[in-house]
Each structure stands twice: as structure tokens, then as C-alpha cells.
mmCIF file of all heavy atoms, coordinates in Angstrom:
data_MODEL
# 
_entry.id   MODEL 
# 
loop_
_atom_site.group_PDB 
_atom_site.id 
_atom_site.type_symbol 
_atom_site.label_atom_id 
_atom_site.label_alt_id 
_atom_site.label_comp_id 
_atom_site.label_asym_id 
_atom_site.label_entity_id 
_atom_site.label_seq_id 
_atom_site.pdbx_PDB_ins_code 
_atom_site.Cartn_x 
_atom_site.Cartn_y 
_atom_site.Cartn_z 
_atom_site.occupancy 
_atom_site.B_iso_or_equiv 
_atom_site.pdbx_formal_charge 
_atom_site.auth_seq_id 
_atom_site.auth_comp_id 
_atom_site.auth_asym_id 
_atom_site.auth_atom_id 
_atom_site.pdbx_PDB_model_num 
ATOM 1   N N   . THR A 1 1  ? 0.769  -1.209  -0.010 1.00 0.00 ? 1  THR A N   1 
ATOM 2   C CA  . THR A 1 1  ? -0.060 -0.045  0.032  1.00 0.00 ? 1  THR A CA  1 
ATOM 3   C C   . THR A 1 1  ? 0.844  1.270   0.002  1.00 0.00 ? 1  THR A C   1 
ATOM 4   O O   . THR A 1 1  ? 1.127  1.856   1.044  1.00 0.00 ? 1  THR A O   1 
ATOM 5   C CB  . THR A 1 1  ? -0.912 -0.057  1.168  1.00 0.00 ? 1  THR A CB  1 
ATOM 6   O OG1 . THR A 1 1  ? -0.157 -0.078  2.396  1.00 0.00 ? 1  THR A OG1 1 
ATOM 7   C CG2 . THR A 1 1  ? -1.876 -1.118  1.204  1.00 0.00 ? 1  THR A CG2 1 
ATOM 8   N N   . GLY A 1 2  ? 1.393  1.526   -1.135 1.00 0.00 ? 2  GLY A N   1 
ATOM 9   C CA  . GLY A 1 2  ? 2.312  2.752   -1.259 1.00 0.00 ? 2  GLY A CA  1 
ATOM 10  C C   . GLY A 1 2  ? 3.660  2.477   -0.572 1.00 0.00 ? 2  GLY A C   1 
ATOM 11  O O   . GLY A 1 2  ? 4.275  1.430   -0.857 1.00 0.00 ? 2  GLY A O   1 
ATOM 12  N N   . ASP A 1 3  ? 4.133  3.347   0.142  1.00 0.00 ? 3  ASP A N   1 
ATOM 13  C CA  . ASP A 1 3  ? 5.526  3.252   0.781  1.00 0.00 ? 3  ASP A CA  1 
ATOM 14  C C   . ASP A 1 3  ? 5.345  2.885   2.131  1.00 0.00 ? 3  ASP A C   1 
ATOM 15  O O   . ASP A 1 3  ? 5.557  3.629   3.163  1.00 0.00 ? 3  ASP A O   1 
ATOM 16  C CB  . ASP A 1 3  ? 6.169  4.732   0.653  1.00 0.00 ? 3  ASP A CB  1 
ATOM 17  C CG  . ASP A 1 3  ? 7.628  4.663   1.156  1.00 0.00 ? 3  ASP A CG  1 
ATOM 18  O OD1 . ASP A 1 3  ? 8.239  3.523   1.148  1.00 0.00 ? 3  ASP A OD1 1 
ATOM 19  O OD2 . ASP A 1 3  ? 8.140  5.652   1.616  1.00 0.00 ? 3  ASP A OD2 1 
ATOM 20  N N   . ALA A 1 4  ? 4.910  1.569   2.431  1.00 0.00 ? 4  ALA A N   1 
ATOM 21  C CA  . ALA A 1 4  ? 4.580  1.069   3.648  1.00 0.00 ? 4  ALA A CA  1 
ATOM 22  C C   . ALA A 1 4  ? 5.576  0.015   4.025  1.00 0.00 ? 4  ALA A C   1 
ATOM 23  O O   . ALA A 1 4  ? 5.305  -1.167  4.379  1.00 0.00 ? 4  ALA A O   1 
ATOM 24  C CB  . ALA A 1 4  ? 3.162  0.590   3.694  1.00 0.00 ? 4  ALA A CB  1 
ATOM 25  N N   . ARG A 1 5  ? 6.830  0.261   4.020  1.00 0.00 ? 5  ARG A N   1 
ATOM 26  C CA  . ARG A 1 5  ? 7.913  -0.659  4.444  1.00 0.00 ? 5  ARG A CA  1 
ATOM 27  C C   . ARG A 1 5  ? 7.921  -0.769  5.834  1.00 0.00 ? 5  ARG A C   1 
ATOM 28  O O   . ARG A 1 5  ? 7.721  0.224   6.613  1.00 0.00 ? 5  ARG A O   1 
ATOM 29  C CB  . ARG A 1 5  ? 9.343  -0.126  3.935  1.00 0.00 ? 5  ARG A CB  1 
ATOM 30  C CG  . ARG A 1 5  ? 9.469  -0.158  2.470  1.00 0.00 ? 5  ARG A CG  1 
ATOM 31  C CD  . ARG A 1 5  ? 10.783 0.615   2.027  1.00 0.00 ? 5  ARG A CD  1 
ATOM 32  N NE  . ARG A 1 5  ? 10.507 2.000   2.295  1.00 0.00 ? 5  ARG A NE  1 
ATOM 33  C CZ  . ARG A 1 5  ? 11.296 3.033   1.908  1.00 0.00 ? 5  ARG A CZ  1 
ATOM 34  N NH1 . ARG A 1 5  ? 12.479 2.728   1.289  1.00 0.00 ? 5  ARG A NH1 1 
ATOM 35  N NH2 . ARG A 1 5  ? 11.031 4.212   2.149  1.00 0.00 ? 5  ARG A NH2 1 
ATOM 36  N N   . PRO A 1 6  ? 8.238  -1.965  6.297  1.00 0.00 ? 6  PRO A N   1 
ATOM 37  C CA  . PRO A 1 6  ? 8.097  -2.110  7.781  1.00 0.00 ? 6  PRO A CA  1 
ATOM 38  C C   . PRO A 1 6  ? 9.190  -1.385  8.520  1.00 0.00 ? 6  PRO A C   1 
ATOM 39  O O   . PRO A 1 6  ? 10.401 -1.220  7.944  1.00 0.00 ? 6  PRO A O   1 
ATOM 40  C CB  . PRO A 1 6  ? 8.388  -3.616  8.139  1.00 0.00 ? 6  PRO A CB  1 
ATOM 41  C CG  . PRO A 1 6  ? 8.854  -4.090  6.769  1.00 0.00 ? 6  PRO A CG  1 
ATOM 42  C CD  . PRO A 1 6  ? 8.430  -3.177  5.741  1.00 0.00 ? 6  PRO A CD  1 
ATOM 43  N N   . HIS A 1 7  ? 8.950  -0.802  9.740  1.00 0.00 ? 7  HIS A N   1 
ATOM 44  C CA  . HIS A 1 7  ? 9.994  -0.067  10.569 1.00 0.00 ? 7  HIS A CA  1 
ATOM 45  C C   . HIS A 1 7  ? 9.994  -0.935  11.812 1.00 0.00 ? 7  HIS A C   1 
ATOM 46  O O   . HIS A 1 7  ? 9.030  -1.054  12.493 1.00 0.00 ? 7  HIS A O   1 
ATOM 47  C CB  . HIS A 1 7  ? 9.529  1.291   10.912 1.00 0.00 ? 7  HIS A CB  1 
ATOM 48  C CG  . HIS A 1 7  ? 9.450  2.146   9.586  1.00 0.00 ? 7  HIS A CG  1 
ATOM 49  N ND1 . HIS A 1 7  ? 9.581  3.508   9.799  1.00 0.00 ? 7  HIS A ND1 1 
ATOM 50  C CD2 . HIS A 1 7  ? 9.365  1.962   8.320  1.00 0.00 ? 7  HIS A CD2 1 
ATOM 51  C CE1 . HIS A 1 7  ? 9.624  4.113   8.528  1.00 0.00 ? 7  HIS A CE1 1 
ATOM 52  N NE2 . HIS A 1 7  ? 9.370  3.155   7.688  1.00 0.00 ? 7  HIS A NE2 1 
ATOM 53  N N   . VAL A 1 8  ? 11.285 -1.346  12.109 1.00 0.00 ? 8  VAL A N   1 
ATOM 54  C CA  . VAL A 1 8  ? 11.486 -2.280  13.279 1.00 0.00 ? 8  VAL A CA  1 
ATOM 55  C C   . VAL A 1 8  ? 12.516 -1.611  14.190 1.00 0.00 ? 8  VAL A C   1 
ATOM 56  O O   . VAL A 1 8  ? 13.636 -1.077  13.637 1.00 0.00 ? 8  VAL A O   1 
ATOM 57  C CB  . VAL A 1 8  ? 11.984 -3.637  12.804 1.00 0.00 ? 8  VAL A CB  1 
ATOM 58  C CG1 . VAL A 1 8  ? 12.290 -4.525  13.991 1.00 0.00 ? 8  VAL A CG1 1 
ATOM 59  C CG2 . VAL A 1 8  ? 10.899 -4.246  11.846 1.00 0.00 ? 8  VAL A CG2 1 
ATOM 60  N N   . VAL A 1 9  ? 12.371 -1.768  15.504 1.00 0.00 ? 9  VAL A N   1 
ATOM 61  C CA  . VAL A 1 9  ? 13.418 -1.260  16.391 1.00 0.00 ? 9  VAL A CA  1 
ATOM 62  C C   . VAL A 1 9  ? 13.833 -2.376  17.378 1.00 0.00 ? 9  VAL A C   1 
ATOM 63  O O   . VAL A 1 9  ? 12.991 -3.256  17.847 1.00 0.00 ? 9  VAL A O   1 
ATOM 64  C CB  . VAL A 1 9  ? 12.811 -0.104  17.329 1.00 0.00 ? 9  VAL A CB  1 
ATOM 65  C CG1 . VAL A 1 9  ? 11.695 -0.460  18.108 1.00 0.00 ? 9  VAL A CG1 1 
ATOM 66  C CG2 . VAL A 1 9  ? 13.881 0.505   18.164 1.00 0.00 ? 9  VAL A CG2 1 
ATOM 67  N N   . ILE A 1 10 ? 15.089 -2.444  17.498 1.00 0.00 ? 10 ILE A N   1 
ATOM 68  C CA  . ILE A 1 10 ? 15.726 -3.320  18.576 1.00 0.00 ? 10 ILE A CA  1 
ATOM 69  C C   . ILE A 1 10 ? 16.367 -2.483  19.695 1.00 0.00 ? 10 ILE A C   1 
ATOM 70  O O   . ILE A 1 10 ? 16.980 -1.419  19.331 1.00 0.00 ? 10 ILE A O   1 
ATOM 71  C CB  . ILE A 1 10 ? 16.708 -4.399  17.976 1.00 0.00 ? 10 ILE A CB  1 
ATOM 72  C CG1 . ILE A 1 10 ? 17.814 -3.757  17.388 1.00 0.00 ? 10 ILE A CG1 1 
ATOM 73  C CG2 . ILE A 1 10 ? 15.911 -5.351  17.105 1.00 0.00 ? 10 ILE A CG2 1 
ATOM 74  C CD1 . ILE A 1 10 ? 18.832 -4.759  16.916 1.00 0.00 ? 10 ILE A CD1 1 
ATOM 75  N N   . ALA A 1 11 ? 16.055 -2.842  20.864 1.00 0.00 ? 11 ALA A N   1 
ATOM 76  C CA  . ALA A 1 11 ? 16.604 -2.017  22.043 1.00 0.00 ? 11 ALA A CA  1 
ATOM 77  C C   . ALA A 1 11 ? 17.290 -2.985  23.076 1.00 0.00 ? 11 ALA A C   1 
ATOM 78  O O   . ALA A 1 11 ? 16.858 -4.161  23.291 1.00 0.00 ? 11 ALA A O   1 
ATOM 79  C CB  . ALA A 1 11 ? 15.461 -1.266  22.717 1.00 0.00 ? 11 ALA A CB  1 
ATOM 80  N N   . MET A 1 12 ? 18.470 -2.612  23.503 1.00 0.00 ? 12 MET A N   1 
ATOM 81  C CA  . MET A 1 12 ? 19.089 -3.218  24.470 1.00 0.00 ? 12 MET A CA  1 
ATOM 82  C C   . MET A 1 12 ? 19.615 -2.210  25.599 1.00 0.00 ? 12 MET A C   1 
ATOM 83  O O   . MET A 1 12 ? 19.324 -1.082  25.424 1.00 0.00 ? 12 MET A O   1 
ATOM 84  C CB  . MET A 1 12 ? 20.493 -3.835  23.856 1.00 0.00 ? 12 MET A CB  1 
ATOM 85  C CG  . MET A 1 12 ? 20.180 -5.160  22.933 1.00 0.00 ? 12 MET A CG  1 
ATOM 86  S SD  . MET A 1 12 ? 19.717 -4.721  21.258 1.00 0.00 ? 12 MET A SD  1 
ATOM 87  C CE  . MET A 1 12 ? 21.037 -3.746  20.604 1.00 0.00 ? 12 MET A CE  1 
ATOM 88  N N   . ASN A 1 13 ? 20.255 -2.689  26.560 1.00 0.00 ? 13 ASN A N   1 
ATOM 89  C CA  . ASN A 1 13 ? 20.692 -1.902  27.784 1.00 0.00 ? 13 ASN A CA  1 
ATOM 90  C C   . ASN A 1 13 ? 22.274 -2.007  27.952 1.00 0.00 ? 13 ASN A C   1 
ATOM 91  O O   . ASN A 1 13 ? 22.563 -2.439  29.115 1.00 0.00 ? 13 ASN A O   1 
ATOM 92  C CB  . ASN A 1 13 ? 19.886 -2.157  28.952 1.00 0.00 ? 13 ASN A CB  1 
ATOM 93  C CG  . ASN A 1 13 ? 18.578 -1.364  28.921 1.00 0.00 ? 13 ASN A CG  1 
ATOM 94  O OD1 . ASN A 1 13 ? 18.641 -0.159  29.042 1.00 0.00 ? 13 ASN A OD1 1 
ATOM 95  N ND2 . ASN A 1 13 ? 17.448 -2.102  28.854 1.00 0.00 ? 13 ASN A ND2 1 
ATOM 96  N N   . PHE A 1 14 ? 22.990 -1.897  26.930 1.00 0.00 ? 14 PHE A N   1 
ATOM 97  C CA  . PHE A 1 14 ? 24.374 -2.070  27.075 1.00 0.00 ? 14 PHE A CA  1 
ATOM 98  C C   . PHE A 1 14 ? 24.970 -0.689  27.608 1.00 0.00 ? 14 PHE A C   1 
ATOM 99  O O   . PHE A 1 14 ? 24.442 0.294   27.368 1.00 0.00 ? 14 PHE A O   1 
ATOM 100 C CB  . PHE A 1 14 ? 25.115 -2.305  25.689 1.00 0.00 ? 14 PHE A CB  1 
ATOM 101 C CG  . PHE A 1 14 ? 24.691 -3.542  25.014 1.00 0.00 ? 14 PHE A CG  1 
ATOM 102 C CD1 . PHE A 1 14 ? 24.596 -3.539  23.553 1.00 0.00 ? 14 PHE A CD1 1 
ATOM 103 C CD2 . PHE A 1 14 ? 24.103 -4.640  25.637 1.00 0.00 ? 14 PHE A CD2 1 
ATOM 104 C CE1 . PHE A 1 14 ? 24.120 -4.790  22.965 1.00 0.00 ? 14 PHE A CE1 1 
ATOM 105 C CE2 . PHE A 1 14 ? 23.736 -5.838  25.010 1.00 0.00 ? 14 PHE A CE2 1 
ATOM 106 C CZ  . PHE A 1 14 ? 23.640 -5.890  23.610 1.00 0.00 ? 14 PHE A CZ  1 
ATOM 107 N N   . ALA A 1 15 ? 26.099 -0.808  28.309 1.00 0.00 ? 15 ALA A N   1 
ATOM 108 C CA  . ALA A 1 15 ? 26.790 0.378   28.956 1.00 0.00 ? 15 ALA A CA  1 
ATOM 109 C C   . ALA A 1 15 ? 27.307 1.210   27.678 1.00 0.00 ? 15 ALA A C   1 
ATOM 110 O O   . ALA A 1 15 ? 27.911 0.596   26.817 1.00 0.00 ? 15 ALA A O   1 
ATOM 111 C CB  . ALA A 1 15 ? 27.847 -0.078  29.922 1.00 0.00 ? 15 ALA A CB  1 
ATOM 112 N N   . PRO A 1 16 ? 27.152 2.448   27.728 1.00 0.00 ? 16 PRO A N   1 
ATOM 113 C CA  . PRO A 1 16 ? 27.634 3.328   26.633 1.00 0.00 ? 16 PRO A CA  1 
ATOM 114 C C   . PRO A 1 16 ? 29.314 3.340   26.830 1.00 0.00 ? 16 PRO A C   1 
ATOM 115 O O   . PRO A 1 16 ? 29.792 3.098   27.989 1.00 0.00 ? 16 PRO A O   1 
ATOM 116 C CB  . PRO A 1 16 ? 27.153 4.639   26.939 1.00 0.00 ? 16 PRO A CB  1 
ATOM 117 C CG  . PRO A 1 16 ? 26.688 4.695   28.331 1.00 0.00 ? 16 PRO A CG  1 
ATOM 118 C CD  . PRO A 1 16 ? 26.331 3.284   28.762 1.00 0.00 ? 16 PRO A CD  1 
ATOM 119 N N   . PRO A 1 17 ? 30.000 3.624   25.774 1.00 0.00 ? 17 PRO A N   1 
ATOM 120 C CA  . PRO A 1 17 ? 31.486 3.572   25.865 1.00 0.00 ? 17 PRO A CA  1 
ATOM 121 C C   . PRO A 1 17 ? 31.924 4.781   26.723 1.00 0.00 ? 17 PRO A C   1 
ATOM 122 O O   . PRO A 1 17 ? 31.284 5.774   26.712 1.00 0.00 ? 17 PRO A O   1 
ATOM 123 C CB  . PRO A 1 17 ? 31.855 3.771   24.440 1.00 0.00 ? 17 PRO A CB  1 
ATOM 124 C CG  . PRO A 1 17 ? 30.761 4.414   23.743 1.00 0.00 ? 17 PRO A CG  1 
ATOM 125 C CD  . PRO A 1 17 ? 29.481 3.895   24.440 1.00 0.00 ? 17 PRO A CD  1 
ATOM 126 N N   . MET A 1 18 ? 33.081 4.570   27.348 1.00 0.00 ? 18 MET A N   1 
ATOM 127 C CA  . MET A 1 18 ? 33.758 5.626   28.044 1.00 0.00 ? 18 MET A CA  1 
ATOM 128 C C   . MET A 1 18 ? 34.329 6.559   26.963 1.00 0.00 ? 18 MET A C   1 
ATOM 129 O O   . MET A 1 18 ? 34.769 6.117   25.881 1.00 0.00 ? 18 MET A O   1 
ATOM 130 C CB  . MET A 1 18 ? 34.714 5.071   29.125 1.00 0.00 ? 18 MET A CB  1 
ATOM 131 C CG  . MET A 1 18 ? 34.136 4.205   30.009 1.00 0.00 ? 18 MET A CG  1 
ATOM 132 S SD  . MET A 1 18 ? 32.995 4.886   31.004 1.00 0.00 ? 18 MET A SD  1 
ATOM 133 C CE  . MET A 1 18 ? 33.954 5.041   32.564 1.00 0.00 ? 18 MET A CE  1 
ATOM 134 N N   . PHE A 1 19 ? 34.572 7.791   27.309 1.00 0.00 ? 19 PHE A N   1 
ATOM 135 C CA  . PHE A 1 19 ? 35.068 8.709   26.397 1.00 0.00 ? 19 PHE A CA  1 
ATOM 136 C C   . PHE A 1 19 ? 36.449 8.347   25.925 1.00 0.00 ? 19 PHE A C   1 
ATOM 137 O O   . PHE A 1 19 ? 37.257 7.993   26.731 1.00 0.00 ? 19 PHE A O   1 
ATOM 138 C CB  . PHE A 1 19 ? 35.082 10.179  27.113 1.00 0.00 ? 19 PHE A CB  1 
ATOM 139 C CG  . PHE A 1 19 ? 35.629 11.223  26.183 1.00 0.00 ? 19 PHE A CG  1 
ATOM 140 C CD1 . PHE A 1 19 ? 34.845 11.781  25.124 1.00 0.00 ? 19 PHE A CD1 1 
ATOM 141 C CD2 . PHE A 1 19 ? 37.050 11.691  26.210 1.00 0.00 ? 19 PHE A CD2 1 
ATOM 142 C CE1 . PHE A 1 19 ? 35.319 12.710  24.376 1.00 0.00 ? 19 PHE A CE1 1 
ATOM 143 C CE2 . PHE A 1 19 ? 37.455 12.620  25.378 1.00 0.00 ? 19 PHE A CE2 1 
ATOM 144 C CZ  . PHE A 1 19 ? 36.646 13.091  24.396 1.00 0.00 ? 19 PHE A CZ  1 
ATOM 145 N N   . GLY A 1 20 ? 36.657 8.237   24.628 1.00 0.00 ? 20 GLY A N   1 
ATOM 146 C CA  . GLY A 1 20 ? 37.817 7.913   24.037 1.00 0.00 ? 20 GLY A CA  1 
ATOM 147 C C   . GLY A 1 20 ? 38.178 6.388   24.113 1.00 0.00 ? 20 GLY A C   1 
ATOM 148 O O   . GLY A 1 20 ? 39.242 6.037   23.556 1.00 0.00 ? 20 GLY A O   1 
ATOM 149 N N   . GLN A 1 21 ? 37.143 5.638   24.521 1.00 0.00 ? 21 GLN A N   1 
ATOM 150 C CA  . GLN A 1 21 ? 37.342 4.045   24.466 1.00 0.00 ? 21 GLN A CA  1 
ATOM 151 C C   . GLN A 1 21 ? 36.446 3.408   23.628 1.00 0.00 ? 21 GLN A C   1 
ATOM 152 O O   . GLN A 1 21 ? 35.316 3.973   23.316 1.00 0.00 ? 21 GLN A O   1 
ATOM 153 C CB  . GLN A 1 21 ? 37.211 3.622   25.929 1.00 0.00 ? 21 GLN A CB  1 
ATOM 154 C CG  . GLN A 1 21 ? 38.042 4.140   26.937 1.00 0.00 ? 21 GLN A CG  1 
ATOM 155 C CD  . GLN A 1 21 ? 39.532 3.808   26.798 1.00 0.00 ? 21 GLN A CD  1 
ATOM 156 O OE1 . GLN A 1 21 ? 39.914 2.604   26.519 1.00 0.00 ? 21 GLN A OE1 1 
ATOM 157 N NE2 . GLN A 1 21 ? 40.441 4.734   26.874 1.00 0.00 ? 21 GLN A NE2 1 
ATOM 158 N N   . PRO A 1 22 ? 36.821 2.251   23.045 1.00 0.00 ? 22 PRO A N   1 
ATOM 159 C CA  . PRO A 1 22 ? 35.921 1.570   22.157 1.00 0.00 ? 22 PRO A CA  1 
ATOM 160 C C   . PRO A 1 22 ? 34.768 1.012   22.978 1.00 0.00 ? 22 PRO A C   1 
ATOM 161 O O   . PRO A 1 22 ? 34.899 0.701   24.195 1.00 0.00 ? 22 PRO A O   1 
ATOM 162 C CB  . PRO A 1 22 ? 36.825 0.520   21.515 1.00 0.00 ? 22 PRO A CB  1 
ATOM 163 C CG  . PRO A 1 22 ? 37.900 0.244   22.525 1.00 0.00 ? 22 PRO A CG  1 
ATOM 164 C CD  . PRO A 1 22 ? 38.168 1.576   23.186 1.00 0.00 ? 22 PRO A CD  1 
ATOM 165 N N   . SER A 1 23 ? 33.650 0.650   22.437 1.00 0.00 ? 23 SER A N   1 
ATOM 166 C CA  . SER A 1 23 ? 32.493 0.040   23.037 1.00 0.00 ? 23 SER A CA  1 
ATOM 167 C C   . SER A 1 23 ? 32.579 -1.411  22.796 1.00 0.00 ? 23 SER A C   1 
ATOM 168 O O   . SER A 1 23 ? 32.060 -1.834  21.633 1.00 0.00 ? 23 SER A O   1 
ATOM 169 C CB  . SER A 1 23 ? 31.165 0.726   22.543 1.00 0.00 ? 23 SER A CB  1 
ATOM 170 O OG  . SER A 1 23 ? 30.044 0.076   23.176 1.00 0.00 ? 23 SER A OG  1 
ATOM 171 N N   . LEU A 1 24 ? 33.089 -2.147  23.657 1.00 0.00 ? 24 LEU A N   1 
ATOM 172 C CA  . LEU A 1 24 ? 33.257 -3.568  23.453 1.00 0.00 ? 24 LEU A CA  1 
ATOM 173 C C   . LEU A 1 24 ? 32.083 -4.285  24.205 1.00 0.00 ? 24 LEU A C   1 
ATOM 174 O O   . LEU A 1 24 ? 31.679 -4.012  25.253 1.00 0.00 ? 24 LEU A O   1 
ATOM 175 C CB  . LEU A 1 24 ? 34.598 -4.050  24.064 1.00 0.00 ? 24 LEU A CB  1 
ATOM 176 C CG  . LEU A 1 24 ? 35.800 -3.318  23.531 1.00 0.00 ? 24 LEU A CG  1 
ATOM 177 C CD1 . LEU A 1 24 ? 37.031 -3.841  24.275 1.00 0.00 ? 24 LEU A CD1 1 
ATOM 178 C CD2 . LEU A 1 24 ? 35.913 -3.630  22.020 1.00 0.00 ? 24 LEU A CD2 1 
ATOM 179 N N   . LEU A 1 25 ? 31.636 -5.418  23.559 1.00 0.00 ? 25 LEU A N   1 
ATOM 180 C CA  . LEU A 1 25 ? 30.502 -6.221  24.020 1.00 0.00 ? 25 LEU A CA  1 
ATOM 181 C C   . LEU A 1 25 ? 31.078 -7.617  24.517 1.00 0.00 ? 25 LEU A C   1 
ATOM 182 O O   . LEU A 1 25 ? 31.985 -8.099  23.918 1.00 0.00 ? 25 LEU A O   1 
ATOM 183 C CB  . LEU A 1 25 ? 29.508 -6.421  23.010 1.00 0.00 ? 25 LEU A CB  1 
ATOM 184 C CG  . LEU A 1 25 ? 28.829 -5.227  22.327 1.00 0.00 ? 25 LEU A CG  1 
ATOM 185 C CD1 . LEU A 1 25 ? 27.779 -5.719  21.270 1.00 0.00 ? 25 LEU A CD1 1 
ATOM 186 C CD2 . LEU A 1 25 ? 28.169 -4.426  23.443 1.00 0.00 ? 25 LEU A CD2 1 
ATOM 187 N N   . SER A 1 26 ? 30.510 -8.057  25.629 1.00 0.00 ? 26 SER A N   1 
ATOM 188 C CA  . SER A 1 26 ? 30.784 -9.327  26.065 1.00 0.00 ? 26 SER A CA  1 
ATOM 189 C C   . SER A 1 26 ? 30.227 -10.456 25.083 1.00 0.00 ? 26 SER A C   1 
ATOM 190 O O   . SER A 1 26 ? 29.302 -10.248 24.302 1.00 0.00 ? 26 SER A O   1 
ATOM 191 C CB  . SER A 1 26 ? 30.255 -9.553  27.549 1.00 0.00 ? 26 SER A CB  1 
ATOM 192 O OG  . SER A 1 26 ? 28.875 -9.603  27.493 1.00 0.00 ? 26 SER A OG  1 
ATOM 193 N N   . GLN A 1 27 ? 30.569 -11.630 25.338 1.00 0.00 ? 27 GLN A N   1 
ATOM 194 C CA  . GLN A 1 27 ? 29.929 -12.755 24.409 1.00 0.00 ? 27 GLN A CA  1 
ATOM 195 C C   . GLN A 1 27 ? 28.511 -12.858 24.798 1.00 0.00 ? 27 GLN A C   1 
ATOM 196 O O   . GLN A 1 27 ? 27.659 -13.040 23.792 1.00 0.00 ? 27 GLN A O   1 
ATOM 197 C CB  . GLN A 1 27 ? 30.637 -14.088 24.817 1.00 0.00 ? 27 GLN A CB  1 
ATOM 198 C CG  . GLN A 1 27 ? 30.142 -15.220 23.954 1.00 0.00 ? 27 GLN A CG  1 
ATOM 199 C CD  . GLN A 1 27 ? 30.943 -16.510 24.107 1.00 0.00 ? 27 GLN A CD  1 
ATOM 200 O OE1 . GLN A 1 27 ? 31.817 -16.535 25.044 1.00 0.00 ? 27 GLN A OE1 1 
ATOM 201 N NE2 . GLN A 1 27 ? 30.530 -17.640 23.506 1.00 0.00 ? 27 GLN A NE2 1 
# 
């Protein structure tokens, strides 16, 4: 129906990176 592409959001609660440091994730 026209431009009705699905819009999906994923949300997590990871700690934000510290200033100047990479944002590394655990396994």
C-alpha cells in the first residue's frame, strides 16, 4: 500500500562507551 515498508526497532541496555574508549561487548 504505497510506501509502507516495515519499521523495526531493537533495544538493548548495554553500557555506553567511556570517552575515548571503544564500546566492546561481552559474548
